[in-house]
C-alpha atoms as a PDB file:
ATOM      1  CA  UNK A   1      78.366 207.406 250.228  1.00  0.00           C
ATOM      2  CA  UNK A   2      79.944 204.929 253.113  1.00  0.00           C
ATOM      3  CA  UNK A   3      83.414 206.067 253.276  1.00  0.00           C
ATOM      4  CA  UNK A   4      86.371 203.578 252.971  1.00  0.00           C
ATOM      5  CA  UNK A   5      88.874 203.556 255.060  1.00  0.00           C
ATOM      6  CA  UNK A   6      90.421 199.814 255.826  1.00  0.00           C
ATOM      7  CA  UNK A   7      88.430 196.733 255.871  1.00  0.00           C
ATOM      8  CA  UNK A   8      89.572 192.786 256.953  1.00  0.00           C
ATOM      9  CA  UNK A   9      87.547 190.502 254.663  1.00  0.00           C
ATOM     10  CA  UNK A  10      86.318 186.760 252.882  1.00  0.00           C
ATOM     11  CA  UNK A  11      87.722 187.516 249.203  1.00  0.00           C
ATOM     12  CA  UNK A  12      85.515 185.608 246.495  1.00  0.00           C
ATOM     13  CA  UNK A  13      87.385 184.135 243.542  1.00  0.00           C
ATOM     14  CA  UNK A  14      86.949 185.208 239.554  1.00  0.00           C
ATOM     15  CA  UNK A  15      88.761 183.779 237.667  1.00  0.00           C
ATOM     16  CA  UNK A  16      88.290 184.791 234.124  1.00  0.00           C
ATOM     17  CA  UNK A  17      89.470 188.005 231.870  1.00  0.00           C
ATOM     18  CA  UNK A  18      87.548 190.673 229.778  1.00  0.00           C
ATOM     19  CA  UNK A  19      84.517 189.999 232.449  1.00  0.00           C
ATOM     20  CA  UNK A  20      82.169 192.550 230.681  1.00  0.00           C
ATOM     21  CA  UNK A  21      79.177 194.557 232.488  1.00  0.00           C
ATOM     22  CA  UNK A  22      76.533 192.540 230.456  1.00  0.00           C
ATOM     23  CA  UNK A  23      78.044 189.193 232.228  1.00  0.00           C
ATOM     24  CA  UNK A  24      78.667 191.611 235.807  1.00  0.00           C
ATOM     25  CA  UNK A  25      74.381 192.173 235.330  1.00  0.00           C
ATOM     26  CA  UNK A  26      72.714 192.026 232.307  1.00  0.00           C
ATOM     27  CA  UNK A  27      70.880 194.466 230.782  1.00  0.00           C
ATOM     28  CA  UNK A  28      67.501 192.664 231.727  1.00  0.00           C
ATOM     29  CA  UNK A  29      68.992 193.822 235.306  1.00  0.00           C
ATOM     30  CA  UNK A  30      68.990 197.547 234.877  1.00  0.00           C
ATOM     31  CA  UNK A  31      65.048 199.158 234.024  1.00  0.00           C
ATOM     32  CA  UNK A  32      65.493 200.133 238.052  1.00  0.00           C
ATOM     33  CA  UNK A  33      67.524 203.457 239.078  1.00  0.00           C
ATOM     34  CA  UNK A  34      67.008 202.664 242.758  1.00  0.00           C
ATOM     35  CA  UNK A  35      70.957 200.847 243.613  1.00  0.00           C
ATOM     36  CA  UNK A  36      69.460 198.062 245.879  1.00  0.00           C
ATOM     37  CA  UNK A  37      68.452 194.878 244.490  1.00  0.00           C
ATOM     38  CA  UNK A  38      70.422 193.882 242.472  1.00  0.00           C
ATOM     39  CA  UNK A  39      72.781 191.209 243.953  1.00  0.00           C
ATOM     40  CA  UNK A  40      69.507 188.578 242.431  1.00  0.00           C
ATOM     41  CA  UNK A  41      72.039 189.934 238.448  1.00  0.00           C
ATOM     42  CA  UNK A  42      74.951 189.855 239.294  1.00  0.00           C
ATOM     43  CA  UNK A  43      76.864 187.689 237.327  1.00  0.00           C
ATOM     44  CA  UNK A  44      73.654 186.291 236.946  1.00  0.00           C
ATOM     45  CA  UNK A  45      74.191 184.146 233.481  1.00  0.00           C
ATOM     46  CA  UNK A  46      77.113 182.499 234.860  1.00  0.00           C
ATOM     47  CA  UNK A  47      75.282 181.679 238.660  1.00  0.00           C
ATOM     48  CA  UNK A  48      73.008 179.307 236.966  1.00  0.00           C
ATOM     49  CA  UNK A  49      72.975 175.806 234.349  1.00  0.00           C
ATOM     50  CA  UNK A  50      71.071 175.571 230.785  1.00  0.00           C
ATOM     51  CA  UNK A  51      68.328 174.108 232.898  1.00  0.00           C
ATOM     52  CA  UNK A  52      67.603 177.819 235.210  1.00  0.00           C
ATOM     53  CA  UNK A  53      68.865 175.731 238.320  1.00  0.00           C
ATOM     54  CA  UNK A  54      71.977 177.117 240.095  1.00  0.00           C
ATOM     55  CA  UNK A  55      75.723 176.133 239.199  1.00  0.00           C
ATOM     56  CA  UNK A  56      77.416 174.778 242.492  1.00  0.00           C
ATOM     57  CA  UNK A  57      80.952 175.493 241.045  1.00  0.00           C
ATOM     58  CA  UNK A  58      79.741 178.793 240.277  1.00  0.00           C
ATOM     59  CA  UNK A  59      81.422 180.896 244.020  1.00  0.00           C
ATOM     60  CA  UNK A  60      78.392 183.170 244.885  1.00  0.00           C
ATOM     61  CA  UNK A  61      76.372 179.376 244.837  1.00  0.00           C
ATOM     62  CA  UNK A  62      79.440 178.539 247.026  1.00  0.00           C
ATOM     63  CA  UNK A  63      78.883 178.508 251.234  1.00  0.00           C
ATOM     64  CA  UNK A  64      82.077 178.756 251.902  1.00  0.00           C
ATOM     65  CA  UNK A  65      81.955 182.925 249.186  1.00  0.00           C
ATOM     66  CA  UNK A  66      78.806 183.837 250.847  1.00  0.00           C
ATOM     67  CA  UNK A  67      79.879 186.896 253.161  1.00  0.00           C
ATOM     68  CA  UNK A  68      82.922 187.739 251.077  1.00  0.00           C
ATOM     69  CA  UNK A  69      83.298 191.596 250.155  1.00  0.00           C
ATOM     70  CA  UNK A  70      86.634 191.327 248.138  1.00  0.00           C
ATOM     71  CA  UNK A  71      86.864 190.364 245.527  1.00  0.00           C
ATOM     72  CA  UNK A  72      89.772 189.156 243.564  1.00  0.00           C
ATOM     73  CA  UNK A  73      89.270 188.102 239.600  1.00  0.00           C
ATOM     74  CA  UNK A  74      91.934 189.249 236.505  1.00  0.00           C
ATOM     75  CA  UNK A  75      92.236 191.488 234.195  1.00  0.00           C
ATOM     76  CA  UNK A  76      90.263 193.848 232.245  1.00  0.00           C
ATOM     77  CA  UNK A  77      87.507 193.227 234.807  1.00  0.00           C
ATOM     78  CA  UNK A  78      84.982 195.640 233.969  1.00  0.00           C
ATOM     79  CA  UNK A  79      85.043 195.819 229.864  1.00  0.00           C
ATOM     80  CA  UNK A  80      81.755 196.693 227.844  1.00  0.00           C
ATOM     81  CA  UNK A  81      78.776 199.717 228.210  1.00  0.00           C
ATOM     82  CA  UNK A  82      79.102 201.736 231.156  1.00  0.00           C
ATOM     83  CA  UNK A  83      76.338 200.807 233.119  1.00  0.00           C
ATOM     84  CA  UNK A  84      76.838 202.247 236.677  1.00  0.00           C
ATOM     85  CA  UNK A  85      74.287 199.144 238.177  1.00  0.00           C
ATOM     86  CA  UNK A  86      77.145 196.605 237.399  1.00  0.00           C
ATOM     87  CA  UNK A  87      78.811 198.415 240.415  1.00  0.00           C
ATOM     88  CA  UNK A  88      76.031 199.088 242.219  1.00  0.00           C
ATOM     89  CA  UNK A  89      74.770 195.018 241.712  1.00  0.00           C
ATOM     90  CA  UNK A  90      78.948 194.113 243.518  1.00  0.00           C
ATOM     91  CA  UNK A  91      77.785 196.276 245.510  1.00  0.00           C
ATOM     92  CA  UNK A  92      73.796 195.033 247.104  1.00  0.00           C
ATOM     93  CA  UNK A  93      76.152 191.570 247.162  1.00  0.00           C
ATOM     94  CA  UNK A  94      78.233 193.286 250.195  1.00  0.00           C
ATOM     95  CA  UNK A  95      81.867 193.283 247.844  1.00  0.00           C
ATOM     96  CA  UNK A  96      83.782 196.751 249.069  1.00  0.00           C
ATOM     97  CA  UNK A  97      86.389 196.621 246.949  1.00  0.00           C
ATOM     98  CA  UNK A  98      87.706 194.450 243.552  1.00  0.00           C
ATOM     99  CA  UNK A  99      91.634 193.467 242.873  1.00  0.00           C
ATOM    100  CA  UNK A 100      92.466 193.270 239.473  1.00  0.00           C
ATOM    101  CA  UNK A 101      95.807 193.083 237.564  1.00  0.00           C
ATOM    102  CA  UNK A 102      93.861 196.126 235.407  1.00  0.00           C
ATOM    103  CA  UNK A 103      89.726 197.343 234.585  1.00  0.00           C
ATOM    104  CA  UNK A 104      88.168 198.668 232.162  1.00  0.00           C
ATOM    105  CA  UNK A 105      88.595 203.131 232.633  1.00  0.00           C
ATOM    106  CA  UNK A 106      84.369 203.751 233.092  1.00  0.00           C
ATOM    107  CA  UNK A 107      84.334 201.088 235.283  1.00  0.00           C
ATOM    108  CA  UNK A 108      86.675 201.477 237.697  1.00  0.00           C
ATOM    109  CA  UNK A 109      85.554 206.000 237.908  1.00  0.00           C
ATOM    110  CA  UNK A 110      82.336 204.361 238.678  1.00  0.00           C
ATOM    111  CA  UNK A 111      83.315 202.251 241.667  1.00  0.00           C
ATOM    112  CA  UNK A 112      84.997 205.166 243.127  1.00  0.00           C
ATOM    113  CA  UNK A 113      81.839 206.871 242.563  1.00  0.00           C
ATOM    114  CA  UNK A 114      79.543 204.080 244.495  1.00  0.00           C
ATOM    115  CA  UNK A 115      82.541 203.286 247.705  1.00  0.00           C
ATOM    116  CA  UNK A 116      83.986 200.805 245.152  1.00  0.00           C
ATOM    117  CA  UNK A 117      87.756 200.573 245.667  1.00  0.00           C
ATOM    118  CA  UNK A 118      89.229 199.249 243.046  1.00  0.00           C
ATOM    119  CA  UNK A 119      92.715 198.003 242.952  1.00  0.00           C
ATOM    120  CA  UNK A 120      95.423 196.952 240.752  1.00  0.00           C
ATOM    121  CA  UNK A 121      97.841 194.791 241.646  1.00  0.00           C
ATOM    122  CA  UNK A 122     100.784 193.165 239.128  1.00  0.00           C
ATOM    123  CA  UNK A 123      99.251 189.649 237.745  1.00  0.00           C
ATOM    124  CA  UNK A 124     100.739 187.561 239.269  1.00  0.00           C
ATOM    125  CA  UNK A 125     100.222 188.925 242.144  1.00  0.00           C
ATOM    126  CA  UNK A 126      97.431 188.303 241.451  1.00  0.00           C
ATOM    127  CA  UNK A 127      97.799 184.383 240.579  1.00  0.00           C
ATOM    128  CA  UNK A 128      99.511 184.072 244.019  1.00  0.00           C
ATOM    129  CA  UNK A 129      96.625 185.389 245.958  1.00  0.00           C
ATOM    130  CA  UNK A 130      94.425 183.269 244.032  1.00  0.00           C
ATOM    131  CA  UNK A 131      95.915 179.706 244.615  1.00  0.00           C
ATOM    132  CA  UNK A 132      95.631 180.757 248.142  1.00  0.00           C
ATOM    133  CA  UNK A 133      92.447 181.558 248.164  1.00  0.00           C
ATOM    134  CA  UNK A 134      91.067 178.834 246.364  1.00  0.00           C
ATOM    135  CA  UNK A 135      93.303 176.403 248.518  1.00  0.00           C
ATOM    136  CA  UNK A 136      91.898 178.073 252.019  1.00  0.00           C
ATOM    137  CA  UNK A 137      88.864 178.389 253.067  1.00  0.00           C
ATOM    138  CA  UNK A 138      88.294 180.714 254.987  1.00  0.00           C
ATOM    139  CA  UNK A 139      90.821 182.888 253.321  1.00  0.00           C
ATOM    140  CA  UNK A 140      91.095 186.676 254.065  1.00  0.00           C
ATOM    141  CA  UNK A 141      92.509 189.219 252.853  1.00  0.00           C
ATOM    142  CA  UNK A 142      93.330 193.078 254.970  1.00  0.00           C
ATOM    143  CA  UNK A 143      92.891 195.694 252.472  1.00  0.00           C
ATOM    144  CA  UNK A 144      94.387 199.565 254.404  1.00  0.00           C
ATOM    145  CA  UNK A 145      92.872 202.343 251.777  1.00  0.00           C
ATOM    146  CA  UNK A 146      95.690 205.058 253.444  1.00  0.00           C
ATOM    147  CA  UNK A 147      98.458 202.824 253.362  1.00  0.00           C
ATOM    148  CA  UNK A 148      97.829 201.511 250.077  1.00  0.00           C
ATOM    149  CA  UNK A 149      98.244 197.524 251.113  1.00  0.00           C
ATOM    150  CA  UNK A 150      97.171 194.919 250.880  1.00  0.00           C
ATOM    151  CA  UNK A 151      97.584 192.546 253.454  1.00  0.00           C
ATOM    152  CA  UNK A 152      97.814 188.828 252.773  1.00  0.00           C
ATOM    153  CA  UNK A 153      97.131 186.336 255.917  1.00  0.00           C
ATOM    154  CA  UNK A 154     100.675 185.660 256.478  1.00  0.00           C
ATOM    155  CA  UNK A 155     101.854 188.166 256.355  1.00  0.00           C
ATOM    156  CA  UNK A 156     103.146 189.466 252.622  1.00  0.00           C
ATOM    157  CA  UNK A 157     101.804 193.450 252.260  1.00  0.00           C
ATOM    158  CA  UNK A 158     101.488 194.373 248.101  1.00  0.00           C
ATOM    159  CA  UNK A 159     101.550 198.065 247.540  1.00  0.00           C
ATOM    160  CA  UNK A 160      99.086 199.464 245.080  1.00  0.00           C
ATOM    161  CA  UNK A 161      99.283 202.981 243.574  1.00  0.00           C
ATOM    162  CA  UNK A 162      95.638 205.335 243.816  1.00  0.00           C
ATOM    163  CA  UNK A 163      95.204 209.103 242.536  1.00  0.00           C
ATOM    164  CA  UNK A 164      95.678 210.882 245.252  1.00  0.00           C
ATOM    165  CA  UNK A 165      92.143 213.202 244.982  1.00  0.00           C
ATOM    166  CA  UNK A 166      90.626 209.675 244.696  1.00  0.00           C
ATOM    167  CA  UNK A 167      91.722 208.492 246.843  1.00  0.00           C
ATOM    168  CA  UNK A 168      90.521 211.573 249.687  1.00  0.00           C
ATOM    169  CA  UNK A 169      87.337 210.934 248.285  1.00  0.00           C
ATOM    170  CA  UNK A 170      86.549 207.614 248.944  1.00  0.00           C
ATOM    171  CA  UNK A 171      88.639 207.899 252.585  1.00  0.00           C
ATOM    172  CA  UNK A 172      85.838 210.741 253.217  1.00  0.00           C
ATOM    173  CA  UNK A 173      83.092 208.785 251.776  1.00  0.00           C
ATOM    174  CA  UNK A 174      81.874 212.045 249.266  1.00  0.00           C
ATOM    175  CA  UNK A 175      80.631 211.662 245.197  1.00  0.00           C
ATOM    176  CA  UNK A 176      80.593 213.944 243.076  1.00  0.00           C
ATOM    177  CA  UNK A 177      77.126 215.140 244.683  1.00  0.00           C
ATOM    178  CA  UNK A 178      78.783 215.029 248.235  1.00  0.00           C
ATOM    179  CA  UNK A 179      82.156 217.207 246.955  1.00  0.00           C
ATOM    180  CA  UNK A 180      79.738 219.728 246.411  1.00  0.00           C
ATOM    181  CA  UNK A 181      77.507 220.030 248.790  1.00  0.00           C
ATOM    182  CA  UNK A 182      80.804 220.789 250.903  1.00  0.00           C
ATOM    183  CA  UNK A 183      79.835 224.734 249.234  1.00  0.00           C
ATOM    184  CA  UNK A 184      76.158 224.671 249.963  1.00  0.00           C
ATOM    185  CA  UNK A 185      76.611 227.926 251.597  1.00  0.00           C
ATOM    186  CA  UNK A 186      78.675 229.161 249.381  1.00  0.00           C
ATOM    187  CA  UNK A 187      75.767 228.239 246.576  1.00  0.00           C
ATOM    188  CA  UNK A 188      73.094 229.235 248.228  1.00  0.00           C
ATOM    189  CA  UNK A 189      74.906 232.926 248.811  1.00  0.00           C
ATOM    190  CA  UNK A 190      75.884 233.711 245.265  1.00  0.00           C
ATOM    191  CA  UNK A 191      71.733 232.256 245.373  1.00  0.00           C
ATOM    192  CA  UNK A 192      70.343 234.814 246.982  1.00  0.00           C
ATOM    193  CA  UNK A 193      73.364 237.964 245.992  1.00  0.00           C
ATOM    194  CA  UNK A 194      71.785 236.516 242.252  1.00  0.00           C
ATOM    195  CA  UNK A 195      68.174 236.503 242.488  1.00  0.00           C
ATOM    196  CA  UNK A 196      68.437 240.994 244.354  1.00  0.00           C
ATOM    197  CA  UNK A 197      71.077 241.472 241.254  1.00  0.00           C
ATOM    198  CA  UNK A 198      68.808 240.723 238.200  1.00  0.00           C
ATOM    199  CA  UNK A 199      65.508 239.678 240.407  1.00  0.00           C
ATOM    200  CA  UNK A 200      63.584 239.664 236.376  1.00  0.00           C
ATOM    201  CA  UNK A 201      65.293 235.821 235.086  1.00  0.00           C
ATOM    202  CA  UNK A 202      63.718 235.353 238.176  1.00  0.00           C
ATOM    203  CA  UNK A 203      60.489 236.060 237.574  1.00  0.00           C
ATOM    204  CA  UNK A 204      56.979 234.022 237.191  1.00  0.00           C
ATOM    205  CA  UNK A 205      56.471 234.381 233.403  1.00  0.00           C
ATOM    206  CA  UNK A 206      53.524 232.294 233.244  1.00  0.00           C
END
């Protein structure tokens, strides 16, 4: 997993509350277990009009947000089902950070397991930044995990809280597998010792 330390990136605004995972990545895109190629399904139903043509009002169809790495959105983002494809799709689109006043718990946890930093700011702070993003083309934020700050182009710094264990894992790029592999030598030694102490457990019983 790619570590997250600090990024300065273009911000994309999604001014909607209660965005559920079925809207983030609809069910027809859940057939794969690969983490790539899902960007085409990201916000699929919102990106198109009823006739199937791209909706020019949706941010993903606007050239000014094409290279965005930070998604700014509203309350209760990622509610609904627990599908891990939701953060996969966001990451495949290029988002490394999602900022909102609140997140659904399972989605929040899944972000950390996939190298995305979910940042919780106050609702009025999010709305203030949202106005600046919409009114300023090329608007960028600097998100610093080490200092736990989000800094605007004007120098305003918003501080966010984060669990110290999750912070350390994301900072070092460690998901659950990565954490386990840190003890690979001890695991291997235990398996070898166990095979010597109880060889009948490892016997071929064909």
